[in-house]
Protein backbone atom coordinates (compact mmCIF):
# COMPACT_ATOMS: atom_id res chain seq x y z
CA MET A 1 213.10 25.77 -84.68
CA ASN A 2 209.58 24.82 -83.53
CA TYR A 3 207.09 25.78 -86.23
CA TYR A 4 204.12 24.88 -84.03
CA SER A 5 205.03 26.49 -80.69
CA ILE A 6 202.62 28.73 -78.76
CA SER A 7 204.37 31.81 -80.21
CA SER A 8 203.86 30.39 -83.72
CA PHE A 9 200.17 29.83 -82.97
CA ARG A 10 199.82 33.48 -81.92
CA LYS A 11 201.15 34.56 -85.32
CA ILE A 12 198.86 32.16 -87.14
CA ILE A 13 195.76 33.25 -85.22
CA GLU A 14 196.60 36.93 -85.73
CA GLU A 15 196.66 36.40 -89.50
CA LEU A 16 193.53 34.22 -89.49
CA ARG A 17 191.53 36.80 -87.49
CA SER A 18 192.35 39.44 -90.10
CA LYS A 19 191.56 37.23 -93.09
CA ILE A 20 188.94 34.56 -92.40
CA VAL A 21 186.55 36.13 -89.86
CA GLY A 22 183.39 36.92 -91.81
CA CYS A 23 184.11 34.30 -94.46
CA ARG A 24 181.81 31.42 -95.32
CA ILE A 25 183.21 27.90 -95.47
CA ASN A 26 182.30 27.06 -99.08
CA ASN A 27 183.73 23.57 -99.22
CA ILE A 28 185.65 21.04 -97.15
CA THR A 29 188.14 18.50 -98.50
CA VAL A 30 189.15 15.70 -96.17
CA ILE A 31 192.69 14.75 -97.13
CA ASN A 32 193.03 11.78 -94.77
CA SER A 33 191.83 10.61 -91.36
CA HIS A 34 193.24 13.68 -89.57
CA ASP A 35 193.86 16.48 -92.10
CA PHE A 36 191.37 18.63 -94.01
CA LEU A 37 191.14 21.79 -96.12
CA CYS A 38 188.54 24.53 -95.96
CA THR A 39 187.79 26.63 -99.03
CA LEU A 40 186.71 30.10 -97.88
CA SER A 41 184.71 32.87 -99.51
CA MET A 42 186.55 36.14 -100.04
CA ILE A 43 189.90 34.25 -100.11
CA LYS A 44 190.76 32.98 -103.58
CA ASP A 45 194.47 32.22 -103.44
CA GLU A 46 194.67 30.38 -100.11
CA LYS A 47 192.91 27.55 -98.29
CA LEU A 48 192.77 26.82 -94.59
CA LEU A 49 194.70 23.64 -93.75
CA ILE A 50 193.76 22.07 -90.41
CA SER A 51 195.80 19.13 -89.16
CA LEU A 52 194.81 17.01 -86.18
CA ASN A 53 197.71 14.58 -86.44
CA HIS A 54 199.08 13.41 -83.10
CA GLN A 55 202.67 14.55 -83.64
CA HIS A 56 202.18 18.28 -84.27
CA PRO A 57 198.57 19.41 -84.86
CA PHE A 58 198.28 22.91 -86.34
CA LEU A 59 196.34 25.12 -88.74
CA SER A 60 197.48 27.58 -91.37
CA LEU A 61 196.48 29.27 -94.60
CA ILE A 62 198.41 27.81 -97.52
CA GLN A 63 198.69 28.47 -101.23
CA ILE A 64 198.03 25.36 -103.35
CA LYS A 65 197.19 25.10 -107.02
CA GLU A 66 194.55 22.40 -106.84
CA THR A 67 192.99 20.10 -104.28
CA ILE A 68 192.30 16.40 -104.25
CA PRO A 69 188.94 14.58 -104.00
CA THR A 70 187.69 14.27 -100.45
CA ILE A 71 187.87 10.99 -98.52
CA THR A 72 184.52 9.74 -97.28
CA GLY A 73 184.11 8.60 -93.69
CA LYS A 74 183.34 9.82 -90.17
CA LEU A 75 185.43 13.00 -90.36
CA ASN A 76 184.00 13.97 -93.75
CA GLU A 77 180.41 13.44 -92.60
CA LEU A 78 181.01 15.37 -89.38
CA LEU A 79 182.61 18.38 -91.07
CA ARG A 80 180.10 18.62 -93.90
CA LYS A 81 177.15 18.33 -91.53
CA ILE A 82 178.36 21.09 -89.16
CA LEU A 83 180.92 23.32 -90.90
CA LYS A 84 180.04 23.42 -94.61
CA ASP A 85 178.30 26.71 -95.51
CA ALA A 86 178.86 28.08 -91.99
CA PHE A 87 180.04 31.65 -91.45
CA ILE A 88 183.09 32.26 -89.27
CA VAL A 89 182.04 34.81 -86.65
CA ASP A 90 185.18 34.92 -84.52
CA LEU A 91 188.48 33.14 -83.87
CA ASN A 92 190.53 33.10 -80.66
CA LEU A 93 193.47 31.42 -79.02
CA VAL A 94 192.07 30.12 -75.74
CA ASN A 95 193.79 30.14 -72.35
CA ASP A 96 197.07 31.18 -74.03
CA ASP A 97 197.47 27.56 -75.12
CA ARG A 98 197.26 25.66 -78.40
CA VAL A 99 193.47 25.51 -78.25
CA ILE A 100 191.61 27.49 -80.90
CA GLU A 101 187.99 28.52 -80.49
CA MET A 102 186.23 29.17 -83.79
CA ILE A 103 182.72 30.59 -83.45
CA VAL A 104 180.55 29.78 -86.47
CA GLN A 105 176.96 30.50 -87.45
CA LYS A 106 174.84 28.29 -89.65
CA ALA A 107 171.18 27.75 -90.49
CA ASN A 108 169.69 24.49 -89.20
CA ASP A 109 167.07 22.32 -90.91
CA TYR A 110 164.38 24.79 -89.85
CA TYR A 111 166.32 27.74 -91.30
CA GLU A 112 167.05 29.04 -87.82
CA LYS A 113 170.45 30.62 -87.18
CA VAL A 114 172.49 28.45 -84.83
CA VAL A 115 175.78 29.43 -83.24
CA LEU A 116 178.39 26.77 -82.54
CA HIS A 117 181.78 26.91 -80.83
CA VAL A 118 184.35 24.79 -82.63
CA TYR A 119 187.34 23.89 -80.46
CA LEU A 120 190.51 22.77 -82.25
CA GLU A 121 192.63 21.17 -79.55
CA CYS A 122 196.05 21.26 -81.21
CA ILE A 123 197.83 19.45 -78.40
CA PRO A 124 200.33 16.73 -79.42
CA GLN A 125 199.15 13.17 -78.65
CA LYS A 126 195.72 14.56 -77.67
CA ALA A 127 194.55 16.40 -80.80
CA ASN A 128 190.77 16.68 -81.06
CA LEU A 129 187.91 18.55 -82.70
CA VAL A 130 184.95 19.34 -80.46
CA PHE A 131 181.69 21.10 -81.40
CA VAL A 132 179.96 22.89 -78.51
CA ASP A 133 176.50 24.49 -78.58
CA GLU A 134 175.43 27.85 -77.13
CA ASN A 135 174.84 26.23 -73.73
CA LYS A 136 178.50 25.10 -73.65
CA GLN A 137 177.43 21.47 -74.03
CA ILE A 138 179.23 19.06 -76.35
CA ALA A 139 177.24 18.49 -79.53
CA GLN A 140 179.76 16.38 -81.51
CA ALA A 141 183.41 15.38 -81.26
CA LEU A 142 185.95 13.63 -83.44
CA HIS A 143 187.37 11.66 -80.51
CA TYR A 144 185.29 10.81 -77.45
CA ALA A 145 186.47 9.97 -73.91
CA PRO A 146 184.42 7.80 -71.47
CA ILE A 147 182.80 9.15 -68.33
CA THR A 148 185.44 7.36 -66.26
CA SER A 149 188.29 9.38 -67.77
CA SER A 150 189.77 12.46 -66.10
CA ARG A 151 188.24 14.64 -68.84
CA PRO A 152 185.18 12.92 -70.29
CA ILE A 153 184.03 13.97 -73.77
CA LEU A 154 180.50 12.80 -74.52
CA ASN A 155 177.53 14.46 -76.24
CA GLY A 156 175.44 16.47 -73.78
CA LEU A 157 178.22 16.97 -71.21
CA SER A 158 179.56 20.42 -70.40
CA TYR A 159 182.72 21.18 -72.31
CA GLU A 160 185.90 21.64 -70.30
CA LEU A 161 189.13 23.00 -71.71
CA PRO A 162 192.10 20.63 -71.63
CA SER A 163 194.63 21.26 -68.86
CA HIS A 164 197.15 24.00 -69.67
CA SER A 165 200.38 22.69 -71.16
CA ASN A 166 202.51 25.43 -69.53
CA MET A 167 204.76 25.74 -72.56
CA GLN A 168 207.80 27.97 -72.35
CA GLU A 169 208.26 30.74 -74.86
CA GLU A 170 210.54 30.00 -77.82
CA ASN A 171 213.79 31.97 -78.01
CA GLU A 172 213.39 32.18 -81.76
CA THR A 173 209.98 32.34 -83.41
CA PRO A 174 209.70 31.49 -87.11
CA SER A 175 208.24 34.06 -89.46
CA LEU A 176 204.77 33.61 -90.91
CA GLU A 177 206.35 32.82 -94.30
CA GLU A 178 208.45 30.07 -92.74
CA ILE A 179 205.42 28.64 -90.95
CA LYS A 180 203.45 28.56 -94.21
CA LYS A 181 206.34 26.97 -96.08
CA GLN A 182 206.44 24.22 -93.46
CA ALA A 183 202.65 23.84 -93.71
CA VAL A 184 202.85 23.38 -97.51
CA ALA A 185 205.56 20.74 -97.04
CA TYR A 186 203.33 18.97 -94.56
CA TYR A 187 200.43 19.16 -97.03
CA GLN A 188 202.51 17.35 -99.64
CA GLU A 189 203.20 14.55 -97.16
CA ALA A 190 199.51 14.49 -96.19
CA ILE A 191 198.62 13.76 -99.82
CA ASN A 192 200.73 10.59 -99.65
CA VAL A 193 198.80 9.56 -96.54
CA HIS A 194 195.59 10.37 -98.45
CA LYS A 195 196.58 8.04 -101.26
CA LYS A 196 197.49 5.22 -98.87
CA GLU A 197 194.17 5.53 -97.05
CA LYS A 198 191.97 5.95 -100.13
CA PHE A 199 193.74 3.28 -102.16
CA THR A 200 194.50 0.82 -99.36
CA PRO A 201 193.37 -2.23 -101.44
CA LEU A 202 195.71 -1.23 -104.28
CA TYR A 203 198.78 -0.70 -102.07
CA ARG A 204 197.98 -3.82 -100.05
CA TYR A 205 197.72 -5.88 -103.25
CA ILE A 206 200.99 -4.54 -104.69
CA LYS A 207 202.95 -5.12 -101.48
CA THR A 208 201.41 -8.56 -100.88
CA ARG A 209 202.03 -9.56 -104.48
CA ILE A 210 205.67 -8.44 -104.31
CA LYS A 211 206.10 -10.46 -101.11
CA SER A 212 204.42 -13.50 -102.70
CA LEU A 213 206.62 -13.23 -105.80
CA GLY A 214 209.69 -13.08 -103.55
CA LYS A 215 208.68 -16.32 -101.83
CA LYS A 216 207.92 -17.90 -105.22
CA SER A 217 211.38 -16.90 -106.48
CA ILE A 218 213.04 -18.58 -103.48
CA VAL A 219 211.09 -21.80 -104.11
CA LEU A 220 211.93 -21.78 -107.82
CA THR A 221 215.61 -21.08 -107.12
CA ASN A 222 215.73 -24.06 -104.74
CA GLU A 223 213.99 -26.24 -107.33
CA ILE A 224 216.56 -25.28 -109.96
CA ALA A 225 219.45 -25.94 -107.56
CA SER A 226 217.98 -29.35 -106.66
CA ALA A 227 217.37 -30.25 -110.29
CA GLU A 228 220.90 -29.24 -111.33
CA GLU A 229 222.24 -31.98 -109.06
CA HIS A 230 220.69 -34.54 -111.43
CA LEU A 231 222.11 -33.11 -114.66
CA LYS A 232 225.07 -35.49 -114.29
CA ASP A 233 222.72 -38.52 -114.18
CA ALA A 234 222.77 -38.91 -117.98
CA GLY A 235 226.56 -39.25 -117.94
CA ILE A 236 226.36 -41.81 -115.11
CA ALA A 237 223.73 -43.79 -117.03
CA ASN A 238 225.91 -43.85 -120.16
CA ASN A 239 228.89 -45.11 -118.12
CA LEU A 240 226.76 -47.84 -116.52
CA LEU A 241 225.77 -49.09 -119.95
CA ALA A 242 229.34 -48.84 -121.18
CA PHE A 243 230.67 -50.92 -118.22
CA GLN A 244 227.80 -53.44 -118.04
CA TYR A 245 230.01 -56.27 -119.38
CA GLU A 246 233.10 -55.28 -117.40
CA LYS A 247 232.29 -55.87 -113.74
CA GLU A 248 235.67 -54.83 -112.35
CA LEU A 249 235.61 -51.48 -114.18
CA LEU A 250 231.95 -51.03 -113.20
CA ASN A 251 232.58 -51.70 -109.49
CA SER A 252 235.63 -49.43 -109.53
CA TYR A 253 233.59 -46.63 -111.19
CA LEU A 254 230.75 -46.98 -108.69
CA LYS A 255 233.15 -46.97 -105.75
CA ASP A 256 235.24 -44.04 -106.98
CA ASN A 257 232.16 -41.89 -107.63
CA ASN A 258 230.22 -43.06 -104.55
CA ILE A 259 227.25 -44.23 -106.66
CA ALA A 260 224.63 -46.52 -105.11
CA LEU A 261 222.42 -48.58 -107.41
CA ASP A 262 219.00 -50.06 -106.72
CA GLU A 263 219.75 -53.73 -106.05
CA ASN A 264 216.20 -54.72 -106.97
CA LYS A 265 216.68 -53.46 -110.52
CA SER A 266 218.98 -54.53 -113.30
CA LEU A 267 221.85 -52.38 -114.52
CA VAL A 268 219.82 -51.33 -117.59
CA GLU A 269 216.82 -50.45 -115.40
CA ASN A 270 219.08 -48.36 -113.13
CA ALA A 271 220.46 -46.59 -116.19
CA ASN A 272 216.94 -45.89 -117.56
CA GLN A 273 215.89 -44.51 -114.17
CA LEU A 274 218.87 -42.14 -114.24
CA PHE A 275 217.97 -41.05 -117.78
CA LYS A 276 214.41 -40.27 -116.59
CA LYS A 277 215.73 -38.21 -113.66
CA TYR A 278 218.00 -36.32 -116.01
CA LYS A 279 215.17 -35.51 -118.44
CA LYS A 280 212.82 -34.54 -115.61
CA SER A 281 215.45 -32.29 -114.06
CA LYS A 282 216.17 -30.65 -117.41
CA ARG A 283 212.44 -29.88 -117.89
CA THR A 284 212.22 -28.60 -114.33
CA ILE A 285 215.16 -26.25 -114.87
CA GLU A 286 213.71 -24.96 -118.14
CA MET A 287 210.22 -24.34 -116.72
CA ALA A 288 211.44 -22.98 -113.39
CA THR A 289 213.84 -20.59 -115.15
CA ILE A 290 210.98 -19.23 -117.28
CA GLU A 291 208.74 -18.81 -114.19
CA LEU A 292 211.60 -17.26 -112.24
CA ASP A 293 212.16 -14.71 -114.99
CA LYS A 294 208.40 -13.94 -115.09
CA ALA A 295 208.33 -13.51 -111.32
CA LYS A 296 211.30 -11.12 -111.45
CA GLN A 297 209.80 -9.12 -114.30
CA GLU A 298 206.46 -8.77 -112.49
CA SER A 299 208.09 -7.94 -109.17
CA ASP A 300 210.36 -5.31 -110.75
CA TYR A 301 207.37 -3.76 -112.55
CA LEU A 302 205.29 -3.65 -109.35
CA GLU A 303 208.21 -2.03 -107.50
CA TYR A 304 208.36 0.57 -110.26
CA VAL A 305 204.62 1.42 -110.29
CA LEU A 306 204.61 1.49 -106.46
CA SER A 307 207.30 4.15 -106.57
CA ALA A 308 205.70 6.00 -109.51
CA SER A 309 202.31 6.01 -107.71
CA LYS A 310 203.64 8.78 -105.45
CA PHE A 311 203.44 11.04 -108.47
CA MET A 312 200.00 9.91 -109.71
CA ASN A 313 196.72 11.72 -109.07
CA ASP A 314 193.54 10.01 -107.88
CA ASP A 315 192.21 9.32 -111.41
CA GLU A 316 195.51 7.72 -112.41
CA LEU A 317 195.52 5.59 -109.26
CA LEU A 318 192.00 4.43 -110.12
CA SER A 319 193.31 3.44 -113.56
CA LEU A 320 196.13 1.56 -111.85
CA CYS A 321 193.52 -0.26 -109.76
CA GLN A 322 191.81 -1.40 -112.94
CA GLU A 323 195.13 -2.52 -114.39
CA LEU A 324 196.37 -4.48 -111.38
CA LEU A 325 193.60 -5.51 -108.99
CA PRO A 326 192.07 -8.92 -109.69
CA LYS A 327 188.40 -8.71 -110.66
CA GLN A 328 188.40 -4.96 -110.06
CA SER A 329 185.02 -3.62 -111.11
CA GLN A 330 184.25 0.00 -111.89
CA LYS A 331 181.00 1.56 -113.06
CA LYS A 332 182.88 3.28 -115.84
CA LYS A 333 186.21 2.64 -117.49
CA MET A 334 188.81 5.10 -116.26
CA ALA A 335 191.00 6.96 -118.71
CA SER A 336 194.45 5.49 -119.18
CA ILE A 337 197.35 6.84 -117.16
CA LYS A 338 198.96 9.76 -118.99
CA TYR A 339 202.65 10.57 -119.10
CA GLY A 340 203.91 13.50 -117.02
CA THR A 341 205.65 16.67 -118.21
CA VAL A 342 208.16 19.00 -116.57
CA LEU A 343 209.79 22.07 -118.06
CA LEU A 344 213.42 23.11 -117.89
CA GLY A 345 213.60 26.44 -119.60
CA ASN A 346 211.83 25.93 -122.91
CA THR A 347 212.58 22.20 -123.08
CA LYS A 348 209.91 19.64 -122.22
CA ILE A 349 210.96 16.49 -120.36
CA LEU A 350 208.29 13.79 -120.52
CA TYR A 351 208.08 10.68 -118.32
CA GLY A 352 205.90 7.57 -118.19
CA LYS A 353 204.16 6.26 -115.06
CA ASN A 354 203.35 2.67 -116.05
CA ALA A 355 203.80 0.29 -118.97
CA SER A 356 201.01 1.73 -121.12
CA SER A 357 202.05 5.37 -120.63
CA ASN A 358 205.69 4.39 -121.30
CA ASN A 359 204.58 2.75 -124.53
CA GLU A 360 202.46 5.72 -125.63
CA LEU A 361 205.19 8.21 -124.76
CA THR A 362 208.07 6.45 -126.53
CA PHE A 363 206.36 5.01 -129.57
CA LYS A 364 203.59 7.55 -130.29
CA VAL A 365 204.62 10.92 -128.82
CA ALA A 366 208.42 10.99 -129.14
CA SER A 367 209.98 11.94 -132.48
CA LYS A 368 213.24 10.71 -133.99
CA GLU A 369 214.97 13.98 -133.02
CA ASP A 370 214.25 13.43 -129.29
CA TYR A 371 216.36 11.67 -126.68
CA TYR A 372 215.35 8.63 -124.65
CA LEU A 373 216.47 7.74 -121.10
CA HIS A 374 215.86 4.66 -118.93
CA ILE A 375 217.40 3.27 -115.75
CA LYS A 376 219.85 0.50 -116.60
CA ASP A 377 219.03 -3.16 -115.83
CA TYR A 378 215.82 -2.34 -113.96
CA HIS A 379 212.12 -1.68 -114.60
CA GLY A 380 211.43 2.04 -114.74
CA ALA A 381 210.01 5.04 -116.49
CA HIS A 382 210.69 5.98 -120.09
CA VAL A 383 211.90 9.58 -120.07
CA ILE A 384 211.98 11.70 -123.23
CA ILE A 385 213.88 14.97 -123.73
CA LYS A 386 212.14 17.00 -126.45
CA ASN A 387 215.39 18.43 -127.77
CA ASN A 388 217.65 17.14 -130.53
CA LYS A 389 220.67 18.65 -128.74
CA PRO A 390 219.95 18.28 -125.02
CA THR A 391 222.13 20.26 -122.62
CA ASN A 392 223.91 18.71 -119.64
CA PRO A 393 221.39 20.20 -117.15
CA GLU A 394 218.54 18.67 -119.20
CA LYS A 395 220.25 15.28 -119.27
CA LEU A 396 220.89 15.47 -115.52
CA LEU A 397 217.27 16.30 -114.71
CA ALA A 398 215.93 13.56 -117.01
CA ALA A 399 218.33 10.99 -115.51
CA GLU A 400 217.27 11.97 -111.98
CA ILE A 401 213.62 11.48 -112.95
CA CYS A 402 214.48 7.96 -114.16
CA LEU A 403 215.99 7.11 -110.76
CA ILE A 404 213.27 8.77 -108.66
CA LEU A 405 210.46 6.93 -110.43
CA SER A 406 212.27 3.65 -109.76
CA ASN A 407 212.72 4.61 -106.09
CA LYS A 408 216.49 4.92 -106.48
CA SER A 409 218.71 7.70 -105.12
CA ALA A 410 221.73 6.67 -107.19
CA GLY A 411 222.43 4.51 -110.21
CA GLU A 412 223.21 4.24 -113.90
CA VAL A 413 220.92 5.61 -116.60
CA MET A 414 221.00 4.83 -120.33
CA ILE A 415 220.58 7.67 -122.81
CA ALA A 416 220.08 7.27 -126.54
CA SER A 417 218.79 9.07 -129.57
CA MET A 418 215.27 7.96 -130.47
CA LYS A 419 216.69 6.82 -133.79
CA ASP A 420 218.37 4.00 -131.86
CA VAL A 421 215.26 2.93 -129.95
CA LYS A 422 213.18 0.04 -131.26
CA LYS A 423 209.89 -1.34 -129.99
CA GLY A 424 210.03 -4.68 -128.17
CA GLN A 425 207.44 -7.46 -128.08
CA VAL A 426 206.09 -6.66 -124.61
CA LEU A 427 204.00 -3.56 -123.86
CA GLY A 428 206.34 -0.73 -122.92
CA GLU A 429 209.49 -2.66 -123.86
CA ALA A 430 212.18 -0.70 -125.68
CA ILE A 431 215.34 -2.10 -127.29
CA LEU A 432 218.34 0.20 -127.55
CA LEU A 433 220.63 -0.36 -130.53
CA ASN A 434 223.20 2.12 -129.24
CA TYR A 435 223.44 4.14 -126.03
CA SER A 436 225.73 5.84 -123.54
CA THR A 437 225.34 5.97 -119.78
CA ILE A 438 224.98 8.62 -117.10
CA VAL A 439 226.15 7.65 -113.62
CA LEU A 440 224.58 9.54 -110.69
CA ASN A 441 225.72 9.24 -107.09
CA GLU A 442 222.75 11.16 -105.70
CA VAL A 443 219.47 12.76 -106.65
CA ARG A 444 218.75 16.39 -105.84
CA GLU A 445 215.85 17.14 -103.49
CA SER A 446 214.82 19.93 -105.85
CA THR A 447 214.04 17.31 -108.54
CA VAL A 448 211.94 15.27 -106.10
CA ASP A 449 210.03 18.46 -105.17
CA LEU A 450 209.59 19.29 -108.85
CA LEU A 451 207.89 15.94 -109.49
CA LYS A 452 205.71 16.27 -106.36
CA ASN A 453 204.53 19.73 -107.32
CA ASN A 454 203.93 18.56 -110.90
CA ASN A 455 201.50 15.86 -109.70
């Protein structure tokens, strides 16, 4: 079913004409480089979502609880300059195609009323936003086209409609409720794009650091393997010293074990050189093993926070920037990342989003009567069930949250009474004295949606 066909657009425009004509655009929130929300007067429960993405541009009223901070940039400046505080005079579907003409009125810098025609060209691969003055001349555009193109878009030129797409009618047209449901789902995905665009340095650092740690682990593993080849050198050196007065046994030992000695050094010097190689290799293995464990711990943690970041708001992502980015400077210290909460009936299920919120949740918020869950043998969220006798549905939901926040769709989760959970030496580390396991083969989409909507 095509949610953004010409027949779907007719339904959308019919609703918009009845609801938003006469409204003032109170505020504009730019979600990412091609999606934005308009907050309208006289409409409290819904906001106008306009998407200019190249796959399926569209617009629709949607119900959302709260919005995100706007992204600054060209689109934000353009929309705020022209559309903010403008009144919507009329709205039409032009040329029976996916081109919407929105006529708006706004006072200019001289307090004169100015009428503008806003064209939303919701054509896949060619989506655009063009502002046209009363003389039908282009005043501003999101995407320009040079004079040499078949349809030039430049300030001062006369506006021409895009060529008709000649779309065939759909056999089955989705209902307005279905269209809005699809629009809300798209909005949730758009928020992820918003985070990636707004917090590009953070995501770039995490991914680059994970890649760097992977390369470091390979180098350290090779160093350990190379050093292990010299662990037998101490035994060879002892045998050399043992056979130094028995040449026949010595030669036989060297030949049988394919050992070549440095002819420029004495037997004792060769043995001492082997002892040095052994000691050096042993130190190398010890140090490399420690560094390898550190690299794995850091990499696993970064993988965890990268997955958990999908369920963080902008303030929490700013806190994550301060935690992770080298020499990250902020004018003010952001509040620490708080644990999340979901409800199943009357039972609260709490989950951490990074090491500090895990630590606060488990060792300050949770009580001895609660239950603790954590993905087995992997970095992940601490999840607390605020119930001394959790039901199977509560355990299932909590276990799924553990997997989702570690970017897993299946796996094994440990569950224990808080009485059996002890604090470790590292921030956010928990030691389980006794636990059982929950094995999940898949995670329900409803749980993923629950976490997204809870963000």
